[in-house]
Amino acid sequence: MSKMLECRSVVMNKFMSAIDVNEPNPDVAEKIQKVLQNLRSLRLDFIYYGEKDLKPATYIAETHRFFSAVPSFWLKPAHQTLKELNLAHCHFWGYYLKLDLRGVHFSRLRILQLTKYTLVHDSQLDGIFSHRDTLAELYLEDCAIGWDIEATADKEMAYLDPNSYITRPGSGGKRYATYDKRWHDYFKSFQELRHLQRFRYGWIEKYGPFEEGPDLNLSMHIASYMLYGSLGYQELPSYCMDTGNSLKYGAEWVIEDETSLEELYAKIGYKYVVGKSQVRRG
């Protein structure tokens, strides 16, 4: 058995190393698509290497080229066979860099896992709910709600439509978008996933072997809500609204978030204690 697994691993590694999401040779691209059409489980972990060797303009162009092709090249070919999908990034993503899964649906998907994915629009929640007839397991690791978002110069690489932003007084002409959903809205919505048997939300405490995945601390965390600005993604310990109001603390939301998380776990038969990482069958 071990030799068989080793052989399969070598074959897959060679296959992966040969892949270019913009393969110019149509014959090679067709063969790759045939392999993807038979996948039942797919895990994509995106990491960066070598970006310091590229000019900024080249790096941005190559990155956009790659991520814009992920849904059509990697995912859509497996829409009839895929049962398990795991999408992870070494940095926060989803808003910027954009992963737009609108129009991507897997008719047999049972397990969905997202890591460091940033939620900024209801269409992302709709994408999860489009699998309500089959989805049995949902894992959100180090995921965040992008509460306050500054428009990026690279509009094509951002999830939101350019018309989503407004100019605020005193912002020097900068444009922002605010997302009004909170985690308790998401947790309450997940209760409507009638086949859901397993669910995890939390932050990665320690990375384990690739095959086993990371150790997860199951609780709300400091990066549950994020800002996005000129410095990239930033944690939200507090934020001063530009309306004359006093500081608006993310902690005000977390109390209701934790309550909704408890209710979700209870509905699927798990016992969860706020502030504890243990979740077990009740």
Protein backbone atom coordinates (compact mmCIF):
# COMPACT_ATOMS: atom_id res chain seq x y z
CA MET A 1 0.00 0.00 0.00
CA SER A 2 2.79 2.44 0.92
CA LYS A 3 4.55 1.83 -2.43
CA MET A 4 1.28 2.44 -4.28
CA LEU A 5 0.72 5.73 -2.44
CA GLU A 6 4.32 6.75 -3.08
CA CYS A 7 3.90 6.03 -6.79
CA ARG A 8 0.67 8.02 -6.96
CA SER A 9 2.36 10.90 -5.15
CA VAL A 10 5.26 10.97 -7.62
CA VAL A 11 2.89 10.94 -10.59
CA MET A 12 0.78 13.75 -9.14
CA ASN A 13 3.86 15.84 -8.29
CA LYS A 14 5.08 15.56 -11.88
CA PHE A 15 1.61 16.46 -13.13
CA MET A 16 1.40 19.51 -10.86
CA SER A 17 4.90 20.73 -11.75
CA ALA A 18 3.98 20.68 -15.44
CA ILE A 19 0.81 22.71 -15.08
CA ASP A 20 0.47 26.24 -16.38
CA VAL A 21 -2.98 27.74 -15.93
CA ASN A 22 -2.46 29.56 -19.20
CA GLU A 23 -1.02 26.61 -21.12
CA PRO A 24 -0.37 27.78 -24.72
CA ASN A 25 -0.35 24.27 -26.19
CA PRO A 26 -4.00 23.25 -26.77
CA ASP A 27 -3.18 19.52 -26.74
CA VAL A 28 -1.48 19.76 -23.35
CA ALA A 29 -4.29 21.92 -21.98
CA GLU A 30 -6.86 19.35 -23.11
CA LYS A 31 -5.01 16.52 -21.34
CA ILE A 32 -4.83 18.55 -18.13
CA GLN A 33 -8.54 19.27 -18.32
CA LYS A 34 -9.31 15.56 -18.68
CA VAL A 35 -7.43 14.82 -15.46
CA LEU A 36 -9.25 17.61 -13.61
CA GLN A 37 -12.62 16.33 -14.84
CA ASN A 38 -12.20 13.15 -12.81
CA LEU A 39 -11.10 14.69 -9.51
CA ARG A 40 -13.13 13.88 -6.41
CA SER A 41 -10.94 15.78 -3.95
CA LEU A 42 -8.92 18.93 -4.58
CA ARG A 43 -6.70 20.90 -2.23
CA LEU A 44 -5.03 24.08 -3.45
CA ASP A 45 -2.59 25.83 -1.09
CA PHE A 46 -1.35 29.09 -2.60
CA ILE A 47 2.03 30.42 -1.49
CA TYR A 48 4.41 33.01 -2.88
CA TYR A 49 8.01 32.52 -3.83
CA GLY A 50 10.34 34.50 -6.04
CA GLU A 51 8.22 37.68 -6.08
CA LYS A 52 11.24 39.75 -5.01
CA ASP A 53 12.91 38.79 -8.29
CA LEU A 54 10.15 40.38 -10.35
CA LYS A 55 9.40 44.01 -11.08
CA PRO A 56 6.22 45.17 -9.24
CA ALA A 57 4.27 45.62 -12.48
CA THR A 58 5.28 42.15 -13.70
CA TYR A 59 4.45 40.57 -10.34
CA ILE A 60 0.99 42.17 -10.26
CA ALA A 61 0.26 41.15 -13.85
CA GLU A 62 1.37 37.55 -13.32
CA THR A 63 -0.56 37.24 -10.06
CA HIS A 64 -3.74 38.60 -11.61
CA ARG A 65 -3.31 36.31 -14.62
CA PHE A 66 -3.06 33.29 -12.35
CA PHE A 67 -5.93 34.00 -9.95
CA SER A 68 -8.34 35.11 -12.65
CA ALA A 69 -7.84 31.69 -14.27
CA VAL A 70 -8.27 29.58 -11.11
CA PRO A 71 -12.09 29.19 -11.32
CA SER A 72 -12.19 28.31 -15.02
CA PHE A 73 -9.00 26.23 -15.18
CA TRP A 74 -8.94 24.41 -11.84
CA LEU A 75 -12.49 24.30 -10.60
CA LYS A 76 -15.10 24.26 -13.36
CA PRO A 77 -13.75 21.10 -15.05
CA ALA A 78 -14.46 19.16 -11.83
CA HIS A 79 -17.95 20.55 -11.28
CA GLN A 80 -19.65 17.15 -11.75
CA THR A 81 -17.24 14.95 -9.78
CA LEU A 82 -15.70 17.00 -6.96
CA LYS A 83 -16.82 16.05 -3.45
CA GLU A 84 -14.17 17.79 -1.37
CA LEU A 85 -12.64 21.23 -1.97
CA ASN A 86 -9.95 22.89 0.15
CA LEU A 87 -8.74 26.37 -0.82
CA ALA A 88 -6.00 28.01 1.24
CA HIS A 89 -3.62 30.95 0.96
CA CYS A 90 -0.56 31.92 2.98
CA HIS A 91 -1.99 35.46 3.34
CA PHE A 92 -5.52 36.84 3.62
CA TRP A 93 -7.23 36.83 0.26
CA GLY A 94 -10.67 36.72 -1.32
CA TYR A 95 -11.15 40.47 -1.59
CA TYR A 96 -7.60 41.17 -2.75
CA LEU A 97 -6.26 39.02 -4.24
CA LYS A 98 -9.66 38.22 -5.70
CA LEU A 99 -11.06 34.72 -5.82
CA ASP A 100 -14.40 35.04 -7.55
CA LEU A 101 -16.40 31.81 -7.38
CA ARG A 102 -19.60 33.25 -8.78
CA GLY A 103 -20.79 30.88 -11.46
CA VAL A 104 -18.86 27.92 -10.02
CA HIS A 105 -21.04 25.11 -8.65
CA PHE A 106 -20.22 21.52 -7.71
CA SER A 107 -23.22 19.22 -7.92
CA ARG A 108 -21.75 16.63 -5.48
CA LEU A 109 -19.75 18.80 -3.07
CA ARG A 110 -19.84 17.45 0.50
CA ILE A 111 -16.82 19.12 2.13
CA LEU A 112 -15.71 22.74 1.78
CA GLN A 113 -12.71 24.20 3.58
CA LEU A 114 -11.49 27.79 3.23
CA THR A 115 -8.36 29.21 4.84
CA LYS A 116 -7.62 32.94 5.27
CA TYR A 117 -10.52 33.75 2.97
CA THR A 118 -11.97 37.26 3.37
CA LEU A 119 -15.72 37.79 3.06
CA VAL A 120 -16.80 41.20 1.78
CA HIS A 121 -20.02 40.57 -0.17
CA ASP A 122 -23.21 38.54 0.17
CA SER A 123 -22.44 36.73 -3.09
CA GLN A 124 -19.72 34.81 -1.23
CA LEU A 125 -22.28 33.53 1.27
CA ASP A 126 -24.62 32.74 -1.61
CA GLY A 127 -21.86 30.62 -3.13
CA ILE A 128 -21.75 28.46 -0.01
CA PHE A 129 -25.53 28.19 0.08
CA SER A 130 -25.69 27.12 -3.54
CA HIS A 131 -24.39 23.75 -2.23
CA ARG A 132 -27.07 23.36 0.44
CA ASP A 133 -28.38 20.14 -1.12
CA THR A 134 -25.08 18.29 -0.65
CA LEU A 135 -22.82 20.15 1.80
CA ALA A 136 -22.17 18.11 4.96
CA GLU A 137 -18.94 19.63 6.27
CA LEU A 138 -17.83 23.28 6.35
CA TYR A 139 -14.52 24.48 7.76
CA LEU A 140 -13.52 28.16 7.97
CA GLU A 141 -9.93 28.48 9.18
CA ASP A 142 -8.49 31.95 9.86
CA CYS A 143 -11.28 33.44 7.76
CA ALA A 144 -12.29 37.07 8.25
CA ILE A 145 -15.07 39.48 7.43
CA GLY A 146 -13.68 42.52 5.64
CA TRP A 147 -15.64 45.16 7.49
CA ASP A 148 -14.14 48.32 6.02
CA ILE A 149 -12.45 48.24 2.62
CA GLU A 150 -10.41 50.86 0.80
CA ALA A 151 -10.56 50.78 -2.98
CA THR A 152 -7.43 49.40 -4.60
CA ALA A 153 -5.56 50.83 -7.54
CA ASP A 154 -5.72 47.40 -9.21
CA LYS A 155 -9.49 47.30 -9.66
CA GLU A 156 -9.43 44.03 -11.61
CA MET A 157 -7.76 42.23 -8.70
CA ALA A 158 -10.36 43.29 -6.10
CA TYR A 159 -13.61 41.41 -5.47
CA LEU A 160 -15.94 44.41 -5.21
CA ASP A 161 -17.35 46.28 -8.16
CA PRO A 162 -15.89 49.82 -8.55
CA ASN A 163 -19.36 51.27 -7.91
CA SER A 164 -19.38 49.74 -4.41
CA TYR A 165 -17.13 52.45 -2.97
CA ILE A 166 -17.91 55.98 -1.79
CA THR A 167 -15.70 58.95 -0.98
CA ARG A 168 -15.75 59.89 2.70
CA PRO A 169 -15.37 63.44 4.05
CA GLY A 170 -11.81 64.15 5.10
CA SER A 171 -10.41 61.07 3.38
CA GLY A 172 -8.38 62.97 0.82
CA GLY A 173 -10.44 61.56 -2.02
CA LYS A 174 -9.98 57.94 -0.99
CA ARG A 175 -12.95 55.65 -1.61
CA TYR A 176 -14.25 53.01 0.80
CA ALA A 177 -16.85 50.26 1.02
CA THR A 178 -18.40 48.93 4.23
CA TYR A 179 -19.79 45.41 4.61
CA ASP A 180 -22.69 45.27 7.05
CA LYS A 181 -22.72 41.50 7.71
CA ARG A 182 -21.25 40.13 10.96
CA TRP A 183 -20.21 36.60 11.88
CA HIS A 184 -23.42 36.03 13.83
CA ASP A 185 -25.32 36.66 10.58
CA TYR A 186 -23.24 33.97 8.90
CA PHE A 187 -23.56 31.48 11.78
CA LYS A 188 -27.33 31.92 11.87
CA SER A 189 -27.48 31.38 8.10
CA PHE A 190 -25.41 28.20 8.37
CA GLN A 191 -28.11 26.71 10.60
CA GLU A 192 -30.23 26.52 7.45
CA LEU A 193 -27.78 24.09 5.79
CA ARG A 194 -29.95 21.05 6.37
CA HIS A 195 -27.26 18.42 5.66
CA LEU A 196 -24.51 20.06 7.71
CA GLN A 197 -22.96 17.55 10.12
CA ARG A 198 -19.56 19.07 10.84
CA PHE A 199 -18.51 22.70 11.18
CA ARG A 200 -15.42 24.48 12.43
CA TYR A 201 -14.60 28.15 12.76
CA GLY A 202 -11.41 29.39 14.38
CA TRP A 203 -7.81 30.43 14.00
CA ILE A 204 -4.77 28.38 13.14
CA GLU A 205 -2.66 27.88 16.25
CA LYS A 206 -0.02 25.63 14.71
CA TYR A 207 0.59 24.18 11.28
CA GLY A 208 0.94 20.41 11.16
CA PRO A 209 1.95 18.06 8.34
CA PHE A 210 0.33 18.81 4.98
CA GLU A 211 -1.74 15.63 5.08
CA GLU A 212 -3.11 16.35 8.57
CA GLY A 213 -3.73 20.07 8.26
CA PRO A 214 -3.27 22.72 10.97
CA ASP A 215 -4.26 22.68 14.64
CA LEU A 216 -7.27 24.95 15.01
CA ASN A 217 -8.28 27.00 18.04
CA LEU A 218 -12.06 27.04 17.77
CA SER A 219 -13.12 30.53 18.80
CA MET A 220 -13.54 34.09 17.60
CA HIS A 221 -10.15 35.73 17.18
CA ILE A 222 -8.46 39.09 16.69
CA ALA A 223 -8.57 38.70 12.91
CA SER A 224 -12.26 37.74 12.75
CA TYR A 225 -12.86 41.24 11.40
CA MET A 226 -10.39 43.01 9.16
CA LEU A 227 -9.81 46.35 7.52
CA TYR A 228 -8.21 46.71 4.13
CA GLY A 229 -6.21 49.82 3.27
CA SER A 230 -3.00 51.06 1.72
CA LEU A 231 -1.01 48.78 4.05
CA GLY A 232 -3.06 45.74 3.11
CA TYR A 233 -5.15 43.71 5.56
CA GLN A 234 -5.17 44.99 9.14
CA GLU A 235 -6.69 43.58 12.31
CA LEU A 236 -9.60 45.43 13.89
CA PRO A 237 -9.07 45.98 17.63
CA SER A 238 -10.91 49.27 17.23
CA TYR A 239 -11.87 51.66 14.51
CA CYS A 240 -12.91 55.30 14.60
CA MET A 241 -15.99 55.91 12.52
CA ASP A 242 -15.87 59.07 10.42
CA THR A 243 -19.31 60.16 11.64
CA GLY A 244 -18.52 61.91 14.91
CA ASN A 245 -19.28 58.77 16.90
CA SER A 246 -16.94 57.38 19.52
CA LEU A 247 -14.77 54.34 18.87
CA LYS A 248 -16.59 51.34 17.50
CA TYR A 249 -15.13 48.17 18.95
CA GLY A 250 -15.23 44.84 17.21
CA ALA A 251 -15.72 43.31 20.66
CA GLU A 252 -19.28 44.63 20.63
CA TRP A 253 -20.07 42.19 17.84
CA VAL A 254 -18.13 39.25 19.22
CA ILE A 255 -20.53 38.65 22.12
CA GLU A 256 -23.39 37.97 19.70
CA ASP A 257 -21.02 36.09 17.41
CA GLU A 258 -20.07 33.66 20.19
CA THR A 259 -23.72 33.11 21.10
CA SER A 260 -24.65 32.34 17.50
CA LEU A 261 -21.65 30.03 17.20
CA GLU A 262 -22.82 28.09 20.26
CA GLU A 263 -26.30 27.80 18.78
CA LEU A 264 -24.93 26.51 15.48
CA TYR A 265 -22.84 23.85 17.20
CA ALA A 266 -25.80 22.83 19.34
CA LYS A 267 -27.99 22.42 16.26
CA ILE A 268 -25.57 19.95 14.65
CA GLY A 269 -25.09 18.07 17.91
CA TYR A 270 -21.84 19.54 19.23
CA LYS A 271 -21.14 21.01 22.64
CA TYR A 272 -19.11 24.22 22.44
CA VAL A 273 -17.91 26.38 25.33
CA VAL A 274 -17.08 30.02 24.61
CA GLY A 275 -13.35 30.61 24.87
CA LYS A 276 -12.51 26.89 24.76
CA SER A 277 -11.09 25.10 21.75
CA GLN A 278 -12.82 21.80 22.47
CA VAL A 279 -15.88 20.91 20.45
CA ARG A 280 -17.37 17.47 20.98
CA ARG A 281 -20.55 15.58 20.35
CA GLY A 282 -23.16 16.37 22.97
